[in-house]
C-alpha cells in the first residue's frame, strides 16, 4: 500500500511539472513523434534538448528557406522529416544542417554547440559510407536508396550553407550511378519522393557544370526523367523552368564530350547554335509552368539569359569581352527581370544564381552595385551567406581591373575549374 506522504509528494511533483511546461515544449510535442516504449539510437539523439531545438529550427525555418512557394507542400518537410525519425544518418545530417544554418543566419548562434555540429556531420558521412558499402555488396531496397539520396542532399546543402563550396563534389558524384539506375526503371515505379531527390541532386549537378562541363556526372536519361516526371519540384525548389534545365544540361554534356575529344568542333558548334536559338526564342508560360505568376515568369526569364551567357562562353571564353553587345544584352535582361520581382516575394531569393552570372559578366560599376545590394538581401532572407561566391566575385573584379581597357574577358570559371588550379571544387548556389 502506498503511504499518504508518498501520495502527496507525487502530487506536488506532478503539479510542478505541469507548471514548468513552456510554449516551446508544446511546439516540440507537436513536431516530435511520441517516443516508443523502448529506447533506440534515434530516441537517444532526440532526447538531447539542443537536438530538439535544432529539429524545430529545421522544421520551422530551414524547410521554408529551401523552397520558393510556402503555400505548396514542402518536400523537405513531407519527405525528409519522416525519414529522419526512421534513420539516424538522415537525422544526423539534418541536425548538422540546422546547426550550420542557425549559425550563418545569425539567429541564435550562441546556442549551437559547434563540436556537436561537426560530430553530427561526421556521423552522417559514416552512415552514407555504410549505405554505399551495402549497395556495392548486396544492393539497397527502394527505401534505402531514398535514404541515401536524402543524406547526400543534406550534406551538400550543409556545404552550401557553410561556404558555398562542396569539396571535390564527392557526394554528388558518388550517387550518380544510383540516380541513373532509378531513371532506367519503368516510370510507374517513380514515387514523388524519389523524383524530388533526383530533381534536387540533378539540379545541383547541372549547376556545378556551369563552372566546368567536365564536372557533369548525371547523364541525359536522369534529366529526361525529370523533364517527363509530371511534377513541378524544380520550379518549386529553384524557379528554373524544367525545359531550360534540360536544354542547358544537354549543352553542358556536349561541352564535356567536346573537351574529352568525343565530339568534333563542327558538331559542337552546331549544338551551341541550336541551343542559343532555343534559349532566345523560349518564352515563359508554357505548359510546364503551373501558374502565370509574374514573378515566376521574371525568374524564368532570368534563368533563360543565364543559360545564354553560358552558351556564349563555350567557344569565346577569352576573346569575347563582357562589354560586347550580346553579353551586355543578357546581363541587362537578368537585372531587368530581378527589378520586377519585389524583395519581399519568395521568388526573389532564387534570383541568386542568375544575378551571380550577370555580375560575373559585366564591367559596369553601377550594375555591380545593384547586384551587390540584391545579393545582400538574398543572404539576409535565406541565412545562406555564400562566402565563397563573394570571394570569387572579388577575385574576378580585381583581375578585370588589372586588364581594364583590354578587349579580353576574365572568365569566372578560371577561378573554380581550370588546369592551373591544384584543387577542383564545386561552387554551388541556393
Protein backbone atom coordinates (compact mmCIF):
# COMPACT_ATOMS: atom_id res chain seq x y z
CA UNK A 1 0.00 0.00 0.00
CA UNK A 2 1.32 3.48 -0.88
CA UNK A 3 1.53 5.72 2.19
CA UNK A 4 -0.15 9.13 2.40
CA UNK A 5 3.17 11.06 2.42
CA UNK A 6 4.31 9.43 -0.83
CA UNK A 7 0.98 10.28 -2.48
CA UNK A 8 1.37 13.94 -1.50
CA UNK A 9 4.93 14.07 -2.84
CA UNK A 10 3.84 12.54 -6.15
CA UNK A 11 1.00 15.05 -6.41
CA UNK A 12 3.31 18.03 -5.80
CA UNK A 13 5.81 16.71 -8.38
CA UNK A 14 3.07 16.37 -10.98
CA UNK A 15 1.77 19.91 -10.34
CA UNK A 16 5.33 21.29 -10.53
CA UNK A 17 5.88 19.52 -13.90
CA UNK A 18 2.63 20.96 -15.25
CA UNK A 19 3.59 24.49 -14.18
CA UNK A 20 7.07 24.24 -15.75
CA UNK A 21 5.79 23.26 -19.21
CA UNK A 22 6.54 26.11 -21.62
CA UNK A 23 5.01 27.08 -25.01
CA UNK A 24 8.19 25.78 -26.64
CA UNK A 25 7.54 22.39 -25.03
CA UNK A 26 4.07 22.36 -26.59
CA UNK A 27 5.53 23.19 -30.04
CA UNK A 28 8.13 20.45 -29.73
CA UNK A 29 5.45 17.96 -28.73
CA UNK A 30 3.61 18.80 -31.95
CA UNK A 31 6.75 18.37 -34.09
CA UNK A 32 8.38 15.40 -32.41
CA UNK A 33 6.79 11.95 -32.54
CA UNK A 34 5.76 10.26 -29.33
CA UNK A 35 8.66 8.16 -28.01
CA UNK A 36 8.16 4.40 -28.25
CA UNK A 37 8.22 2.24 -25.17
CA UNK A 38 11.79 1.01 -25.74
CA UNK A 39 14.79 3.29 -26.30
CA UNK A 40 16.57 3.42 -29.66
CA UNK A 41 19.53 5.38 -31.09
CA UNK A 42 17.11 7.88 -32.61
CA UNK A 43 15.33 8.30 -29.25
CA UNK A 44 18.67 8.92 -27.57
CA UNK A 45 19.54 11.62 -30.13
CA UNK A 46 16.13 13.30 -29.80
CA UNK A 47 16.32 13.19 -26.01
CA UNK A 48 19.00 15.90 -26.10
CA UNK A 49 17.37 19.30 -25.65
CA UNK A 50 19.73 21.02 -28.11
CA UNK A 51 18.85 18.48 -30.78
CA UNK A 52 15.15 19.12 -30.24
CA UNK A 53 15.79 22.84 -30.81
CA UNK A 54 17.72 22.07 -33.99
CA UNK A 55 14.95 19.85 -35.27
CA UNK A 56 12.46 22.61 -34.60
CA UNK A 57 14.69 25.12 -36.43
CA UNK A 58 14.86 22.81 -39.45
CA UNK A 59 11.10 22.32 -39.47
CA UNK A 60 10.08 25.96 -38.98
CA UNK A 61 12.91 27.89 -40.65
CA UNK A 62 15.17 25.82 -42.91
CA UNK A 63 12.37 23.97 -44.72
CA UNK A 64 10.74 27.25 -45.73
CA UNK A 65 14.08 28.70 -46.83
CA UNK A 66 14.79 25.79 -49.17
CA UNK A 67 11.69 26.15 -51.34
CA UNK A 68 10.01 29.09 -53.03
CA UNK A 69 6.24 28.87 -52.61
CA UNK A 70 5.39 28.25 -48.97
CA UNK A 71 1.75 27.52 -49.79
CA UNK A 72 2.61 24.26 -51.55
CA UNK A 73 3.52 21.04 -49.80
CA UNK A 74 7.07 21.47 -48.62
CA UNK A 75 9.06 18.43 -49.88
CA UNK A 76 11.73 18.82 -47.21
CA UNK A 77 9.08 18.67 -44.50
CA UNK A 78 6.99 15.98 -46.22
CA UNK A 79 9.80 13.66 -47.31
CA UNK A 80 12.91 14.27 -45.21
CA UNK A 81 11.46 14.82 -41.74
CA UNK A 82 9.58 11.48 -41.66
CA UNK A 83 12.73 9.65 -42.81
CA UNK A 84 14.73 11.36 -40.05
CA UNK A 85 12.57 9.57 -37.47
CA UNK A 86 13.46 6.26 -39.11
CA UNK A 87 17.16 6.63 -39.96
CA UNK A 88 19.99 8.02 -37.84
CA UNK A 89 22.05 9.04 -40.87
CA UNK A 90 19.34 11.40 -42.12
CA UNK A 91 18.69 12.68 -38.61
CA UNK A 92 22.39 13.44 -38.06
CA UNK A 93 22.68 15.18 -41.44
CA UNK A 94 19.53 17.18 -40.70
CA UNK A 95 20.84 18.30 -37.30
CA UNK A 96 24.18 19.35 -38.75
CA UNK A 97 22.47 21.43 -41.46
CA UNK A 98 20.11 23.04 -38.94
CA UNK A 99 23.03 23.93 -36.67
CA UNK A 100 25.04 25.36 -39.56
CA UNK A 101 22.06 27.43 -40.72
CA UNK A 102 21.41 28.70 -37.21
CA UNK A 103 25.00 29.98 -37.10
CA UNK A 104 25.09 31.51 -40.58
CA UNK A 105 21.67 33.14 -40.30
CA UNK A 106 22.63 34.84 -37.05
CA UNK A 107 19.51 33.55 -35.31
CA UNK A 108 20.87 32.04 -32.10
CA UNK A 109 24.49 31.10 -32.83
CA UNK A 110 25.41 31.12 -29.14
CA UNK A 111 23.07 28.18 -28.61
CA UNK A 112 24.87 26.00 -31.14
CA UNK A 113 27.49 23.52 -29.99
CA UNK A 114 29.93 23.62 -32.91
CA UNK A 115 31.70 20.45 -31.79
CA UNK A 116 28.36 18.64 -31.75
CA UNK A 117 27.56 20.05 -35.20
CA UNK A 118 30.75 18.56 -36.61
CA UNK A 119 30.02 15.26 -34.87
CA UNK A 120 26.53 15.18 -36.43
CA UNK A 121 28.09 15.73 -39.85
CA UNK A 122 30.72 13.02 -39.36
CA UNK A 123 28.06 10.55 -38.20
CA UNK A 124 26.04 11.32 -41.33
CA UNK A 125 29.09 10.74 -43.54
CA UNK A 126 29.78 7.42 -41.82
CA UNK A 127 26.16 6.40 -42.31
CA UNK A 128 26.39 7.30 -46.00
CA UNK A 129 29.59 5.25 -46.34
CA UNK A 130 27.85 2.25 -44.79
CA UNK A 131 24.91 2.57 -47.19
CA UNK A 132 27.19 2.78 -50.22
CA UNK A 133 29.16 -0.22 -48.99
CA UNK A 134 25.95 -2.19 -48.56
CA UNK A 135 24.88 -1.11 -52.06
CA UNK A 136 28.12 -2.45 -53.50
CA UNK A 137 27.91 -5.77 -51.67
CA UNK A 138 24.21 -6.60 -51.50
CA UNK A 139 22.20 -3.81 -53.10
CA UNK A 140 19.74 -1.42 -51.44
CA UNK A 141 15.99 -1.52 -51.03
CA UNK A 142 13.88 1.29 -52.51
CA UNK A 143 13.61 2.85 -49.05
CA UNK A 144 17.37 2.67 -48.52
CA UNK A 145 18.01 4.27 -51.90
CA UNK A 146 15.80 7.21 -50.95
CA UNK A 147 17.59 7.46 -47.62
CA UNK A 148 20.96 7.51 -49.39
CA UNK A 149 19.87 10.32 -51.74
CA UNK A 150 18.40 12.28 -48.83
CA UNK A 151 21.63 12.08 -46.81
CA UNK A 152 23.64 13.26 -49.82
CA UNK A 153 21.27 16.17 -50.42
CA UNK A 154 21.51 17.30 -46.78
CA UNK A 155 25.32 17.01 -46.76
CA UNK A 156 25.61 19.10 -49.93
CA UNK A 157 23.22 21.69 -48.50
CA UNK A 158 25.44 21.82 -45.41
CA UNK A 159 28.42 22.65 -47.66
CA UNK A 160 26.42 25.33 -49.44
CA UNK A 161 25.30 26.84 -46.14
CA UNK A 162 28.81 26.73 -44.66
CA UNK A 163 30.81 28.15 -47.56
CA UNK A 164 29.19 27.60 -50.94
CA UNK A 165 31.85 25.05 -51.86
CA UNK A 166 31.30 21.30 -51.97
CA UNK A 167 34.77 19.80 -51.66
CA UNK A 168 35.58 17.85 -54.83
CA UNK A 169 31.84 17.24 -55.38
CA UNK A 170 32.37 13.79 -53.91
CA UNK A 171 28.86 13.37 -52.50
CA UNK A 172 27.02 14.36 -55.67
CA UNK A 173 29.23 12.23 -57.89
CA UNK A 174 29.12 9.27 -55.50
CA UNK A 175 25.41 8.63 -56.03
CA UNK A 176 25.23 9.40 -59.77
CA UNK A 177 25.04 5.67 -60.56
CA UNK A 178 22.06 5.23 -58.21
CA UNK A 179 20.23 8.13 -59.87
CA UNK A 180 20.92 6.68 -63.31
CA UNK A 181 19.67 3.25 -62.31
CA UNK A 182 16.48 4.70 -60.81
CA UNK A 183 15.74 6.56 -64.04
CA UNK A 184 16.04 3.36 -66.06
CA UNK A 185 13.11 1.84 -64.24
CA UNK A 186 9.58 1.94 -65.62
CA UNK A 187 8.08 5.35 -64.96
CA UNK A 188 5.32 3.88 -62.81
CA UNK A 189 7.87 2.93 -60.15
CA UNK A 190 8.96 6.51 -59.52
CA UNK A 191 7.42 7.90 -56.37
CA UNK A 192 7.06 11.67 -55.81
CA UNK A 193 9.62 11.39 -53.01
CA UNK A 194 12.21 9.68 -55.19
CA UNK A 195 11.53 12.14 -58.01
CA UNK A 196 12.12 15.05 -55.65
CA UNK A 197 15.51 13.70 -54.57
CA UNK A 198 16.50 13.01 -58.18
CA UNK A 199 15.43 16.53 -59.18
CA UNK A 200 17.35 18.29 -56.41
CA UNK A 201 20.57 16.35 -57.00
CA UNK A 202 20.40 16.62 -60.80
CA UNK A 203 19.88 20.38 -60.49
CA UNK A 204 22.98 20.71 -58.30
CA UNK A 205 24.90 18.62 -60.84
CA UNK A 206 23.90 20.97 -63.68
CA UNK A 207 24.72 23.98 -61.53
CA UNK A 208 28.28 22.82 -60.96
CA UNK A 209 28.53 22.10 -64.69
CA UNK A 210 28.29 25.86 -65.31
CA UNK A 211 31.80 26.28 -63.88
CA UNK A 212 33.21 23.31 -65.79
CA UNK A 213 31.29 20.96 -68.07
CA UNK A 214 33.69 18.15 -67.19
CA UNK A 215 32.20 18.09 -63.69
CA UNK A 216 28.85 16.90 -65.01
CA UNK A 217 28.19 13.41 -63.63
CA UNK A 218 24.49 12.77 -64.30
CA UNK A 219 23.52 11.61 -67.77
CA UNK A 220 20.79 12.76 -70.12
CA UNK A 221 18.46 9.96 -69.01
CA UNK A 222 18.34 11.46 -65.49
CA UNK A 223 17.46 14.92 -66.81
CA UNK A 224 14.94 13.41 -69.24
CA UNK A 225 13.33 11.52 -66.37
CA UNK A 226 12.85 14.81 -64.52
CA UNK A 227 11.54 16.53 -67.65
CA UNK A 228 8.92 13.80 -68.12
CA UNK A 229 8.06 13.26 -64.46
CA UNK A 230 4.99 15.47 -64.35
CA UNK A 231 5.97 17.01 -61.00
CA UNK A 232 6.91 20.64 -60.52
CA UNK A 233 9.57 20.20 -57.86
CA UNK A 234 12.25 22.01 -59.86
CA UNK A 235 10.18 25.19 -60.17
CA UNK A 236 9.16 24.92 -56.53
CA UNK A 237 12.74 24.38 -55.48
CA UNK A 238 14.77 26.84 -57.58
CA UNK A 239 12.39 28.50 -60.05
CA UNK A 240 14.22 27.33 -63.15
CA UNK A 241 11.74 26.08 -65.79
CA UNK A 242 12.33 22.39 -66.39
CA UNK A 243 12.80 22.85 -70.18
CA UNK A 244 15.69 25.26 -69.57
CA UNK A 245 17.21 22.83 -67.08
CA UNK A 246 17.01 20.00 -69.58
CA UNK A 247 18.36 22.01 -72.52
CA UNK A 248 21.31 23.60 -70.71
CA UNK A 249 22.13 20.16 -69.30
CA UNK A 250 22.39 18.89 -72.87
CA UNK A 251 24.72 21.77 -73.79
CA UNK A 252 26.97 21.06 -70.81
CA UNK A 253 27.02 17.35 -71.68
CA UNK A 254 28.08 18.22 -75.24
CA UNK A 255 30.76 20.51 -73.83
CA UNK A 256 32.06 17.62 -71.75
CA UNK A 257 32.14 15.35 -74.80
CA UNK A 258 33.94 18.04 -76.83
CA UNK A 259 36.51 18.53 -74.09
CA UNK A 260 37.11 14.78 -73.93
CA UNK A 261 37.62 14.61 -77.71
CA UNK A 262 34.42 12.65 -78.35
CA UNK A 263 32.70 15.46 -80.26
CA UNK A 264 34.14 17.36 -83.22
CA UNK A 265 34.29 21.15 -83.29
CA UNK A 266 31.73 21.50 -86.13
CA UNK A 267 29.32 19.23 -84.30
CA UNK A 268 29.79 21.15 -81.06
CA UNK A 269 29.30 24.47 -82.85
CA UNK A 270 26.03 23.12 -84.24
CA UNK A 271 24.90 22.16 -80.73
CA UNK A 272 25.72 25.65 -79.44
CA UNK A 273 23.94 27.38 -82.33
CA UNK A 274 20.79 25.30 -81.82
CA UNK A 275 20.89 25.90 -78.07
CA UNK A 276 21.31 29.67 -78.41
CA UNK A 277 18.35 29.81 -80.81
CA UNK A 278 16.30 27.69 -78.42
CA UNK A 279 17.04 29.90 -75.42
CA UNK A 280 16.47 33.14 -77.33
CA UNK A 281 13.07 32.03 -78.62
CA UNK A 282 11.85 30.30 -75.44
CA UNK A 283 9.03 32.11 -73.66
CA UNK A 284 7.83 31.60 -70.08
CA UNK A 285 4.30 30.44 -69.51
CA UNK A 286 4.43 27.12 -71.36
CA UNK A 287 2.52 24.03 -70.24
CA UNK A 288 5.22 23.11 -67.73
CA UNK A 289 4.57 26.34 -65.84
CA UNK A 290 1.74 25.60 -63.39
CA UNK A 291 0.82 29.28 -62.98
CA UNK A 292 1.06 32.57 -64.78
CA UNK A 293 2.56 34.38 -61.79
CA UNK A 294 4.54 37.41 -62.97
CA UNK A 295 7.35 36.74 -60.51
CA UNK A 296 7.65 33.18 -61.78
CA UNK A 297 7.88 34.43 -65.35
CA UNK A 298 10.52 37.01 -64.44
CA UNK A 299 12.62 34.38 -62.66
CA UNK A 300 12.28 32.02 -65.62
CA UNK A 301 13.46 34.78 -67.94
CA UNK A 302 16.46 35.47 -65.69
CA UNK A 303 17.45 31.80 -65.88
CA UNK A 304 16.98 31.88 -69.66
CA UNK A 305 19.56 34.64 -70.00
CA UNK A 306 21.89 32.90 -67.54
CA UNK A 307 21.81 29.94 -69.93
CA UNK A 308 22.52 32.22 -72.91
CA UNK A 309 25.55 33.66 -71.11
CA UNK A 310 26.88 30.15 -70.54
CA UNK A 311 26.41 29.18 -74.19
CA UNK A 312 28.28 32.31 -75.33
CA UNK A 313 31.26 31.41 -73.15
CA UNK A 314 31.97 27.93 -74.51
CA UNK A 315 34.00 28.87 -77.58
CA UNK A 316 34.61 32.58 -76.84
CA UNK A 317 35.67 32.31 -73.22
CA UNK A 318 38.51 34.83 -73.54
CA UNK A 319 38.05 36.56 -76.89
CA UNK A 320 34.50 37.81 -76.33
CA UNK A 321 34.73 40.71 -73.82
CA UNK A 322 31.94 41.27 -71.33
CA UNK A 323 31.38 44.69 -72.94
CA UNK A 324 30.14 43.02 -76.16
CA UNK A 325 26.53 43.74 -77.13
CA UNK A 326 25.45 40.09 -76.93
CA UNK A 327 26.80 39.67 -73.41
CA UNK A 328 25.52 43.00 -72.16
CA UNK A 329 22.05 42.33 -73.57
CA UNK A 330 21.67 39.22 -71.41
CA UNK A 331 23.24 40.92 -68.37
CA UNK A 332 20.73 43.76 -68.66
CA UNK A 333 17.86 41.29 -69.13
CA UNK A 334 18.77 39.49 -65.88
CA UNK A 335 18.91 42.79 -63.99
CA UNK A 336 15.63 43.98 -65.51
CA UNK A 337 13.94 40.71 -64.57
CA UNK A 338 15.18 40.97 -60.98
CA UNK A 339 13.97 44.57 -60.78
CA UNK A 340 10.38 43.43 -61.43
CA UNK A 341 10.37 40.96 -58.51
CA UNK A 342 9.75 42.60 -55.11
CA UNK A 343 12.37 41.78 -52.50
CA UNK A 344 9.52 40.65 -50.23
CA UNK A 345 8.49 37.98 -52.75
CA UNK A 346 9.64 34.41 -52.03
CA UNK A 347 10.69 34.22 -55.71
CA UNK A 348 13.31 36.92 -55.19
CA UNK A 349 15.66 34.68 -53.21
CA UNK A 350 16.07 32.31 -56.17
CA UNK A 351 17.49 35.08 -58.34
CA UNK A 352 20.87 34.44 -56.69
CA UNK A 353 22.41 32.36 -59.46
CA UNK A 354 21.21 34.49 -62.42
CA UNK A 355 22.41 37.59 -60.57
CA UNK A 356 25.77 35.97 -59.96
CA UNK A 357 26.06 35.13 -63.65
CA UNK A 358 25.18 38.72 -64.56
CA UNK A 359 27.67 40.38 -62.22
CA UNK A 360 30.43 37.96 -63.26
CA UNK A 361 29.86 39.00 -66.88
CA UNK A 362 29.87 42.80 -66.56
CA UNK A 363 32.40 45.56 -66.03
CA UNK A 364 29.82 48.29 -65.38
CA UNK A 365 30.16 49.62 -61.79
CA UNK A 366 26.51 50.58 -61.29
CA UNK A 367 25.41 47.11 -62.41
CA UNK A 368 27.77 45.55 -59.90
CA UNK A 369 26.47 47.85 -57.17
CA UNK A 370 22.86 46.89 -57.91
CA UNK A 371 23.66 43.17 -57.86
CA UNK A 372 25.60 43.55 -54.60
CA UNK A 373 22.51 45.07 -52.97
CA UNK A 374 20.26 42.30 -54.30
CA UNK A 375 22.59 39.52 -53.18
CA UNK A 376 22.90 41.08 -49.72
CA UNK A 377 19.12 40.98 -49.39
CA UNK A 378 19.03 37.33 -50.52
CA UNK A 379 21.70 36.41 -47.98
CA UNK A 380 19.73 38.13 -45.23
CA UNK A 381 16.42 36.49 -46.11
CA UNK A 382 17.76 32.95 -46.57
CA UNK A 383 20.54 32.80 -44.00
CA UNK A 384 22.85 31.29 -46.64
CA UNK A 385 25.85 33.65 -46.74
CA UNK A 386 27.80 32.14 -49.67
CA UNK A 387 31.24 33.45 -48.65
CA UNK A 388 32.96 31.52 -51.45
CA UNK A 389 30.77 33.26 -54.04
CA UNK A 390 31.64 36.68 -52.62
CA UNK A 391 35.36 35.84 -52.64
CA UNK A 392 35.06 34.56 -56.19
CA UNK A 393 33.43 37.76 -57.43
CA UNK A 394 36.08 39.84 -55.68
CA UNK A 395 38.81 37.90 -57.49
CA UNK A 396 37.06 38.29 -60.86
CA UNK A 397 36.60 42.03 -60.46
CA UNK A 398 40.15 42.60 -59.21
CA UNK A 399 41.52 40.70 -62.20
CA UNK A 400 39.20 42.62 -64.52
CA UNK A 401 40.52 45.93 -63.19
CA UNK A 402 44.06 44.82 -63.89
CA UNK A 403 43.06 44.24 -67.52
CA UNK A 404 40.99 47.41 -67.86
CA UNK A 405 40.98 48.73 -71.41
CA UNK A 406 41.97 45.38 -72.91
CA UNK A 407 39.48 43.61 -75.15
CA UNK A 408 39.72 40.32 -73.31
CA UNK A 409 37.38 38.54 -70.96
CA UNK A 410 38.13 37.42 -67.41
CA UNK A 411 36.17 34.14 -67.03
CA UNK A 412 34.92 33.42 -63.53
CA UNK A 413 35.32 29.71 -64.38
CA UNK A 414 39.11 30.14 -64.29
CA UNK A 415 38.87 30.60 -60.53
CA UNK A 416 36.78 27.47 -59.97
CA UNK A 417 37.78 24.95 -62.62
CA UNK A 418 40.94 25.23 -64.70
CA UNK A 419 44.18 23.35 -65.30
CA UNK A 420 46.27 25.69 -63.15
CA UNK A 421 44.19 25.03 -60.01
CA UNK A 422 45.61 22.35 -57.73
CA UNK A 423 42.23 21.57 -56.13
CA UNK A 424 38.96 21.41 -58.01
CA UNK A 425 35.80 22.14 -56.05
CA UNK A 426 32.11 22.56 -56.80
CA UNK A 427 30.84 26.10 -56.34
CA UNK A 428 27.14 25.77 -55.60
CA UNK A 429 24.31 28.24 -55.01
CA UNK A 430 20.98 28.03 -53.28
